[in-house]
Each structure stands twice: as C-alpha cells, then as structure tokens.
Amino acid sequence: MSLKRNKLEKRFKKTFKINALFFMVILCSIFLISNSCSRHRLFYLLFQITRDQEWMDWVEMGAKAIMESGVPEQEVEGFWNNVGVCCGSAGVADFFSVSMA
C-alpha cells in the first residue's frame, strides 16, 4: 500500500470518528436517547460499520456499567420500570441480545 493511500485512509478514519460522534450527539439530542442501552447500541452500530475496536470497547464498557447498575431489579436514573425499548427492560434485553451475542 502506498504511503499516500495509507495517509488518506488514516485521515478518513479520523474524520469518520469525529463525524460519527457529532451524529451521535445530534441523534441523542433530537430523540432524547439518554440511557446507556440506546447510546451503546449506537456504538455497536458504529463498530459494525467501521470494524474499529474502539467502538466495541465503548460497547463493552456500557455493558459492564449496565450490569453493575442492578437494572432491572433496581431502579436507577435513566431507567424506567417499564418494557420500553428506549429506556426499560426491553432495551436492556435488546442491547445484550444484539451487542453481546
């Protein structure tokens, strides 16, 4: 691989990461996605697109935080005791069934 092409690929990856993070902030703001499951599902999607291990590291950190929070048995801020995919038990189940399979 040529040096020029290698530099272009690195630049593209860096630009993509910045744009992806910006997109995530906008998405979370517009749709009020404020819980760990929703944010980390987005990180998993970014991992699927880029295959960049950094995104999967965020997914794994999120999984650890969710497990340590005690949900669904213990109610914590941002988790509502319901079956909603956005902020309830279904979201937790979906996160682990898709992201950690």
N, C-alpha and C. Protein backbone atom coordinates (compact mmCIF):
# COMPACT_ATOMS: atom_id res chain seq x y z
N MET A 1 0.84 -1.17 0.00
CA MET A 1 0.00 0.00 0.00
C MET A 1 0.90 1.24 0.00
N SER A 2 0.56 2.17 -0.81
CA SER A 2 1.39 3.37 -0.91
C SER A 2 1.25 4.24 0.33
N LEU A 3 2.26 5.02 0.59
CA LEU A 3 2.26 5.91 1.75
C LEU A 3 1.13 6.92 1.64
N LYS A 4 0.90 7.43 0.43
CA LYS A 4 -0.15 8.42 0.22
C LYS A 4 -1.52 7.81 0.53
N ARG A 5 -1.76 6.60 0.06
CA ARG A 5 -3.04 5.94 0.31
C ARG A 5 -3.22 5.66 1.81
N ASN A 6 -2.15 5.25 2.46
CA ASN A 6 -2.20 4.98 3.89
C ASN A 6 -2.58 6.24 4.66
N LYS A 7 -1.99 7.38 4.30
CA LYS A 7 -2.30 8.65 4.95
C LYS A 7 -3.77 9.03 4.72
N LEU A 8 -4.25 8.81 3.49
CA LEU A 8 -5.64 9.13 3.18
C LEU A 8 -6.60 8.27 3.99
N GLU A 9 -6.28 6.99 4.14
CA GLU A 9 -7.13 6.10 4.92
C GLU A 9 -7.16 6.51 6.39
N LYS A 10 -6.01 6.87 6.95
CA LYS A 10 -5.97 7.33 8.33
C LYS A 10 -6.78 8.60 8.51
N ARG A 11 -6.65 9.51 7.55
CA ARG A 11 -7.39 10.77 7.61
C ARG A 11 -8.89 10.51 7.52
N PHE A 12 -9.30 9.59 6.65
CA PHE A 12 -10.71 9.25 6.51
C PHE A 12 -11.25 8.66 7.81
N LYS A 13 -10.50 7.74 8.42
CA LYS A 13 -10.95 7.12 9.66
C LYS A 13 -11.11 8.16 10.77
N LYS A 14 -10.16 9.08 10.87
CA LYS A 14 -10.23 10.12 11.90
C LYS A 14 -11.44 11.01 11.65
N THR A 15 -11.66 11.41 10.40
CA THR A 15 -12.80 12.25 10.05
C THR A 15 -14.10 11.53 10.33
N PHE A 16 -14.15 10.23 9.99
CA PHE A 16 -15.36 9.45 10.23
C PHE A 16 -15.68 9.41 11.72
N LYS A 17 -14.67 9.20 12.56
CA LYS A 17 -14.90 9.14 14.01
C LYS A 17 -15.48 10.45 14.51
N ILE A 18 -14.91 11.55 14.08
CA ILE A 18 -15.40 12.86 14.51
C ILE A 18 -16.83 13.06 14.06
N ASN A 19 -17.13 12.74 12.80
CA ASN A 19 -18.48 12.89 12.28
C ASN A 19 -19.45 11.95 12.97
N ALA A 20 -19.02 10.73 13.26
CA ALA A 20 -19.88 9.77 13.93
C ALA A 20 -20.24 10.25 15.34
N LEU A 21 -19.27 10.78 16.06
CA LEU A 21 -19.55 11.30 17.39
C LEU A 21 -20.50 12.50 17.33
N PHE A 22 -20.29 13.37 16.34
CA PHE A 22 -21.19 14.51 16.16
C PHE A 22 -22.60 14.03 15.87
N PHE A 23 -22.73 13.03 14.98
CA PHE A 23 -24.02 12.46 14.64
C PHE A 23 -24.69 11.88 15.89
N MET A 24 -23.92 11.19 16.72
CA MET A 24 -24.46 10.59 17.93
C MET A 24 -25.02 11.66 18.86
N VAL A 25 -24.29 12.74 19.04
CA VAL A 25 -24.76 13.82 19.90
C VAL A 25 -26.06 14.41 19.36
N ILE A 26 -26.11 14.65 18.07
CA ILE A 26 -27.33 15.19 17.45
C ILE A 26 -28.48 14.20 17.62
N LEU A 27 -28.24 12.95 17.32
CA LEU A 27 -29.27 11.92 17.42
C LEU A 27 -29.80 11.83 18.85
N CYS A 28 -28.90 11.80 19.82
CA CYS A 28 -29.33 11.72 21.21
C CYS A 28 -30.11 12.96 21.62
N SER A 29 -29.72 14.11 21.12
CA SER A 29 -30.42 15.34 21.47
C SER A 29 -31.81 15.39 20.85
N ILE A 30 -31.92 15.02 19.60
CA ILE A 30 -33.21 15.09 18.91
C ILE A 30 -34.20 14.08 19.48
N PHE A 31 -33.76 12.87 19.65
CA PHE A 31 -34.67 11.81 20.07
C PHE A 31 -34.62 11.54 21.57
N LEU A 32 -33.87 12.35 22.31
CA LEU A 32 -33.78 12.22 23.75
C LEU A 32 -33.37 10.83 24.18
N ILE A 33 -32.41 10.28 23.46
CA ILE A 33 -31.89 8.97 23.82
C ILE A 33 -30.87 9.22 24.91
N SER A 34 -31.30 9.00 26.14
CA SER A 34 -30.45 9.41 27.25
C SER A 34 -30.02 8.25 28.14
N ASN A 35 -30.27 7.03 27.74
CA ASN A 35 -29.86 5.94 28.61
C ASN A 35 -28.73 5.14 27.97
N SER A 36 -28.09 4.35 28.78
CA SER A 36 -26.91 3.61 28.32
C SER A 36 -27.21 2.64 27.20
N CYS A 37 -28.34 1.97 27.27
CA CYS A 37 -28.65 0.97 26.23
C CYS A 37 -28.72 1.61 24.85
N SER A 38 -29.42 2.72 24.75
CA SER A 38 -29.57 3.37 23.45
C SER A 38 -28.25 3.90 22.92
N ARG A 39 -27.48 4.54 23.79
CA ARG A 39 -26.20 5.07 23.35
C ARG A 39 -25.26 3.96 22.92
N HIS A 40 -25.23 2.89 23.68
CA HIS A 40 -24.28 1.84 23.37
C HIS A 40 -24.72 0.96 22.21
N ARG A 41 -26.01 0.93 21.91
CA ARG A 41 -26.45 0.28 20.67
C ARG A 41 -25.91 1.06 19.48
N LEU A 42 -25.88 2.39 19.62
CA LEU A 42 -25.31 3.21 18.55
C LEU A 42 -23.81 2.93 18.41
N PHE A 43 -23.10 2.78 19.52
CA PHE A 43 -21.68 2.43 19.44
C PHE A 43 -21.50 1.09 18.73
N TYR A 44 -22.40 0.15 19.00
CA TYR A 44 -22.29 -1.16 18.35
C TYR A 44 -22.52 -1.03 16.84
N LEU A 45 -23.48 -0.21 16.46
CA LEU A 45 -23.71 0.03 15.04
C LEU A 45 -22.48 0.64 14.38
N LEU A 46 -21.84 1.58 15.04
CA LEU A 46 -20.62 2.18 14.50
C LEU A 46 -19.51 1.14 14.40
N PHE A 47 -19.44 0.21 15.37
CA PHE A 47 -18.46 -0.87 15.28
C PHE A 47 -18.75 -1.75 14.06
N GLN A 48 -20.02 -2.07 13.83
CA GLN A 48 -20.38 -2.91 12.68
C GLN A 48 -19.99 -2.24 11.37
N ILE A 49 -20.13 -0.93 11.32
CA ILE A 49 -19.82 -0.20 10.09
C ILE A 49 -18.31 -0.11 9.87
N THR A 50 -17.57 0.21 10.93
CA THR A 50 -16.14 0.51 10.77
C THR A 50 -15.22 -0.64 11.13
N ARG A 51 -15.70 -1.58 11.94
CA ARG A 51 -14.87 -2.66 12.50
C ARG A 51 -13.71 -2.10 13.33
N ASP A 52 -13.88 -0.90 13.84
CA ASP A 52 -12.88 -0.25 14.69
C ASP A 52 -13.09 -0.72 16.12
N GLN A 53 -12.09 -1.34 16.71
CA GLN A 53 -12.20 -1.92 18.05
C GLN A 53 -12.56 -0.88 19.11
N GLU A 54 -12.23 0.37 18.87
CA GLU A 54 -12.54 1.42 19.85
C GLU A 54 -14.04 1.51 20.13
N TRP A 55 -14.86 1.35 19.07
CA TRP A 55 -16.31 1.38 19.27
C TRP A 55 -16.76 0.19 20.12
N MET A 56 -16.17 -0.99 19.88
CA MET A 56 -16.55 -2.16 20.66
C MET A 56 -16.11 -2.00 22.12
N ASP A 57 -15.01 -1.31 22.33
CA ASP A 57 -14.58 -1.04 23.71
C ASP A 57 -15.66 -0.23 24.45
N TRP A 58 -16.25 0.74 23.75
CA TRP A 58 -17.33 1.52 24.36
C TRP A 58 -18.54 0.65 24.65
N VAL A 59 -18.85 -0.28 23.73
CA VAL A 59 -19.97 -1.20 23.95
C VAL A 59 -19.73 -2.04 25.20
N GLU A 60 -18.52 -2.57 25.32
CA GLU A 60 -18.19 -3.42 26.48
C GLU A 60 -18.22 -2.62 27.79
N MET A 61 -17.74 -1.38 27.75
CA MET A 61 -17.82 -0.54 28.95
C MET A 61 -19.27 -0.28 29.34
N GLY A 62 -20.11 -0.07 28.32
CA GLY A 62 -21.53 0.15 28.58
C GLY A 62 -22.19 -1.07 29.17
N ALA A 63 -21.85 -2.25 28.64
CA ALA A 63 -22.42 -3.49 29.17
C ALA A 63 -22.04 -3.67 30.64
N LYS A 64 -20.79 -3.38 30.95
CA LYS A 64 -20.32 -3.51 32.33
C LYS A 64 -21.09 -2.54 33.23
N ALA A 65 -21.26 -1.31 32.78
CA ALA A 65 -21.97 -0.31 33.58
C ALA A 65 -23.43 -0.70 33.79
N ILE A 66 -24.06 -1.23 32.75
CA ILE A 66 -25.47 -1.64 32.87
C ILE A 66 -25.59 -2.79 33.87
N MET A 67 -24.70 -3.77 33.77
CA MET A 67 -24.75 -4.90 34.70
C MET A 67 -24.50 -4.45 36.13
N GLU A 68 -23.58 -3.53 36.32
CA GLU A 68 -23.26 -3.05 37.67
C GLU A 68 -24.35 -2.15 38.25
N SER A 69 -25.21 -1.60 37.39
CA SER A 69 -26.25 -0.69 37.86
C SER A 69 -27.36 -1.44 38.61
N GLY A 70 -27.52 -2.73 38.32
CA GLY A 70 -28.53 -3.51 39.01
C GLY A 70 -29.88 -3.55 38.33
N VAL A 71 -30.02 -2.94 37.16
CA VAL A 71 -31.30 -2.99 36.46
C VAL A 71 -31.51 -4.40 35.91
N PRO A 72 -32.71 -4.86 35.78
CA PRO A 72 -33.98 -4.16 36.04
C PRO A 72 -34.47 -4.27 37.49
N GLU A 73 -33.81 -5.06 38.32
CA GLU A 73 -34.29 -5.23 39.70
C GLU A 73 -34.24 -3.92 40.48
N GLN A 74 -33.23 -3.12 40.24
CA GLN A 74 -33.04 -1.86 40.96
C GLN A 74 -33.27 -0.71 39.99
N GLU A 75 -34.14 0.21 40.37
CA GLU A 75 -34.39 1.37 39.51
C GLU A 75 -33.26 2.39 39.70
N VAL A 76 -32.73 2.85 38.59
CA VAL A 76 -31.68 3.86 38.61
C VAL A 76 -32.08 4.99 37.68
N GLU A 77 -31.41 6.13 37.81
CA GLU A 77 -31.72 7.29 36.96
C GLU A 77 -31.54 6.92 35.49
N GLY A 78 -32.52 7.26 34.68
CA GLY A 78 -32.46 6.97 33.25
C GLY A 78 -33.08 5.64 32.87
N PHE A 79 -33.40 4.81 33.88
CA PHE A 79 -34.06 3.54 33.60
C PHE A 79 -35.44 3.59 34.22
N TRP A 80 -36.45 3.41 33.39
CA TRP A 80 -37.82 3.43 33.88
C TRP A 80 -38.29 2.00 33.99
N ASN A 81 -39.04 1.72 34.99
CA ASN A 81 -39.52 0.38 35.24
C ASN A 81 -40.68 0.08 34.29
N ASN A 82 -40.34 -0.14 33.02
CA ASN A 82 -41.35 -0.44 32.00
C ASN A 82 -40.74 -1.41 30.99
N VAL A 83 -41.46 -1.68 29.94
CA VAL A 83 -40.96 -2.62 28.93
C VAL A 83 -40.52 -1.90 27.66
N GLY A 84 -40.30 -0.61 27.74
CA GLY A 84 -39.90 0.17 26.57
C GLY A 84 -38.51 -0.17 26.08
N VAL A 85 -38.35 -0.11 24.76
CA VAL A 85 -37.04 -0.37 24.16
C VAL A 85 -36.10 0.79 24.43
N CYS A 86 -36.63 1.99 24.53
CA CYS A 86 -35.77 3.15 24.71
C CYS A 86 -35.20 3.24 26.11
N CYS A 87 -35.95 2.88 27.12
CA CYS A 87 -35.50 3.17 28.48
C CYS A 87 -35.96 2.13 29.50
N GLY A 88 -36.37 0.97 29.06
CA GLY A 88 -36.87 -0.03 30.00
C GLY A 88 -36.23 -1.39 29.82
N SER A 89 -36.88 -2.39 30.37
CA SER A 89 -36.34 -3.75 30.36
C SER A 89 -36.11 -4.28 28.95
N ALA A 90 -37.00 -3.95 28.02
CA ALA A 90 -36.83 -4.42 26.65
C ALA A 90 -35.56 -3.85 26.02
N GLY A 91 -35.23 -2.63 26.36
CA GLY A 91 -34.00 -2.01 25.85
C GLY A 91 -32.76 -2.73 26.37
N VAL A 92 -32.80 -3.10 27.65
CA VAL A 92 -31.68 -3.82 28.24
C VAL A 92 -31.53 -5.18 27.58
N ALA A 93 -32.65 -5.89 27.43
CA ALA A 93 -32.61 -7.22 26.80
C ALA A 93 -32.13 -7.13 25.36
N ASP A 94 -32.62 -6.13 24.62
CA ASP A 94 -32.22 -5.96 23.23
C ASP A 94 -30.73 -5.64 23.12
N PHE A 95 -30.25 -4.78 23.99
CA PHE A 95 -28.83 -4.41 23.98
C PHE A 95 -27.95 -5.66 24.13
N PHE A 96 -28.27 -6.49 25.11
CA PHE A 96 -27.42 -7.65 25.35
C PHE A 96 -27.62 -8.74 24.31
N SER A 97 -28.82 -8.87 23.78
CA SER A 97 -29.04 -9.93 22.77
C SER A 97 -28.39 -9.59 21.45
N VAL A 98 -28.32 -8.32 21.11
CA VAL A 98 -27.73 -7.92 19.82
C VAL A 98 -26.24 -7.63 19.96
N SER A 99 -25.87 -6.79 20.91
CA SER A 99 -24.50 -6.31 21.00
C SER A 99 -23.52 -7.31 21.58
N MET A 100 -23.98 -8.17 22.44
CA MET A 100 -23.06 -9.06 23.13
C MET A 100 -23.22 -10.50 22.69
N ALA A 101 -23.88 -10.70 21.58
CA ALA A 101 -24.11 -12.09 21.10
C ALA A 101 -22.83 -12.72 20.62
